[in-house]
Amino acid sequence: MTGSLRRGLRHGVERWFLNDRSLSGGDIVELCCSGGWITGRFEHDAGMGGAPTFFFSIELGEGRVSQQSIELPEGALMRLA
């Protein structure tokens, strides 16, 4: 189910939520971009705070892959993969 990424607290610790589910580092999610959905990995270090990161791969020619990441803004449209 699609939802907006939001910051919240669970057991007194800052967490990031998608709908009512707390996201954990390593969760595979899909991020809605202007051209469609991109599958990647959600990461966030509660001890460091700040915005979470979305890691994804871009396929290149000749079987190569480029690993990329972007900072996720609160409110980003996402869904579990």
Protein backbone atom coordinates (compact mmCIF):
# COMPACT_ATOMS: atom_id res chain seq x y z
CA MET A 1 0.00 0.00 0.00
CA THR A 2 1.35 3.42 -0.96
CA GLY A 3 1.97 5.97 1.77
CA SER A 4 3.96 9.04 2.71
CA LEU A 5 7.24 8.66 4.58
CA ARG A 6 6.93 10.31 7.98
CA ARG A 7 9.03 10.73 11.10
CA GLY A 8 7.71 9.58 14.44
CA LEU A 9 8.58 8.00 17.78
CA ARG A 10 8.34 4.39 18.85
CA HIS A 11 9.38 3.47 22.40
CA GLY A 12 10.98 6.90 22.75
CA VAL A 13 13.26 6.43 19.72
CA GLU A 14 12.98 8.41 16.50
CA ARG A 15 11.82 6.16 13.66
CA TRP A 16 10.59 6.55 10.12
CA PHE A 17 7.16 5.18 9.22
CA LEU A 18 5.37 4.17 6.06
CA ASN A 19 1.67 4.22 6.89
CA ASP A 20 1.60 2.58 10.36
CA ARG A 21 4.68 0.40 9.80
CA SER A 22 8.04 1.35 11.25
CA LEU A 23 10.79 1.05 8.61
CA SER A 24 14.11 -0.59 9.45
CA GLY A 25 17.47 -0.27 7.78
CA GLY A 26 17.69 -2.75 4.94
CA ASP A 27 13.96 -2.79 4.16
CA ILE A 28 13.32 -3.09 0.42
CA VAL A 29 10.95 -0.33 -0.68
CA GLU A 30 9.78 1.36 -3.85
CA LEU A 31 10.07 5.13 -4.27
CA CYS A 32 7.61 6.99 -6.50
CA CYS A 33 9.45 9.25 -8.95
CA SER A 34 8.03 11.37 -11.76
CA GLY A 35 8.62 8.54 -14.25
CA GLY A 36 7.42 5.63 -12.10
CA TRP A 37 8.55 3.42 -9.23
CA ILE A 38 12.18 2.67 -8.37
CA THR A 39 13.07 -0.28 -6.13
CA GLY A 40 15.80 0.19 -3.56
CA ARG A 41 16.94 -0.21 0.02
CA PHE A 42 15.89 2.04 2.91
CA GLU A 43 18.60 3.00 5.44
CA HIS A 44 18.51 5.21 8.52
CA ASP A 45 20.76 5.47 11.55
CA ALA A 46 18.59 6.47 14.52
CA GLY A 47 21.71 7.32 16.52
CA MET A 48 22.87 9.81 13.90
CA GLY A 49 19.44 11.32 13.19
CA GLY A 50 18.79 13.22 10.02
CA ALA A 51 17.08 12.13 6.85
CA PRO A 52 17.01 8.50 5.71
CA THR A 53 18.77 7.33 2.56
CA PHE A 54 17.46 5.37 -0.43
CA PHE A 55 20.04 3.14 -2.17
CA PHE A 56 19.41 1.89 -5.72
CA SER A 57 21.29 0.61 -8.77
CA ILE A 58 21.47 1.93 -12.31
CA GLU A 59 22.14 -0.68 -14.98
CA LEU A 60 24.89 0.36 -17.38
CA GLY A 61 26.01 -1.17 -20.67
CA GLU A 62 28.16 -4.29 -20.82
CA GLY A 63 26.70 -5.72 -17.59
CA ARG A 64 28.00 -2.94 -15.34
CA VAL A 65 26.05 -1.44 -12.44
CA SER A 66 26.31 1.96 -10.77
CA GLN A 67 25.28 2.08 -7.11
CA GLN A 68 23.55 5.36 -6.21
CA SER A 69 21.85 6.90 -3.19
CA ILE A 70 19.63 9.86 -2.43
CA GLU A 71 18.40 11.48 0.75
CA LEU A 72 14.69 10.90 1.28
CA PRO A 73 12.53 13.89 2.20
CA GLU A 74 9.71 13.50 4.69
CA GLY A 75 6.49 12.99 2.73
CA ALA A 76 8.10 10.95 -0.09
CA LEU A 77 5.58 8.56 -1.64
CA MET A 78 6.70 4.98 -1.09
CA ARG A 79 5.49 1.43 -0.76
CA LEU A 80 6.96 -1.84 0.47
CA ALA A 81 8.43 -3.94 -2.35
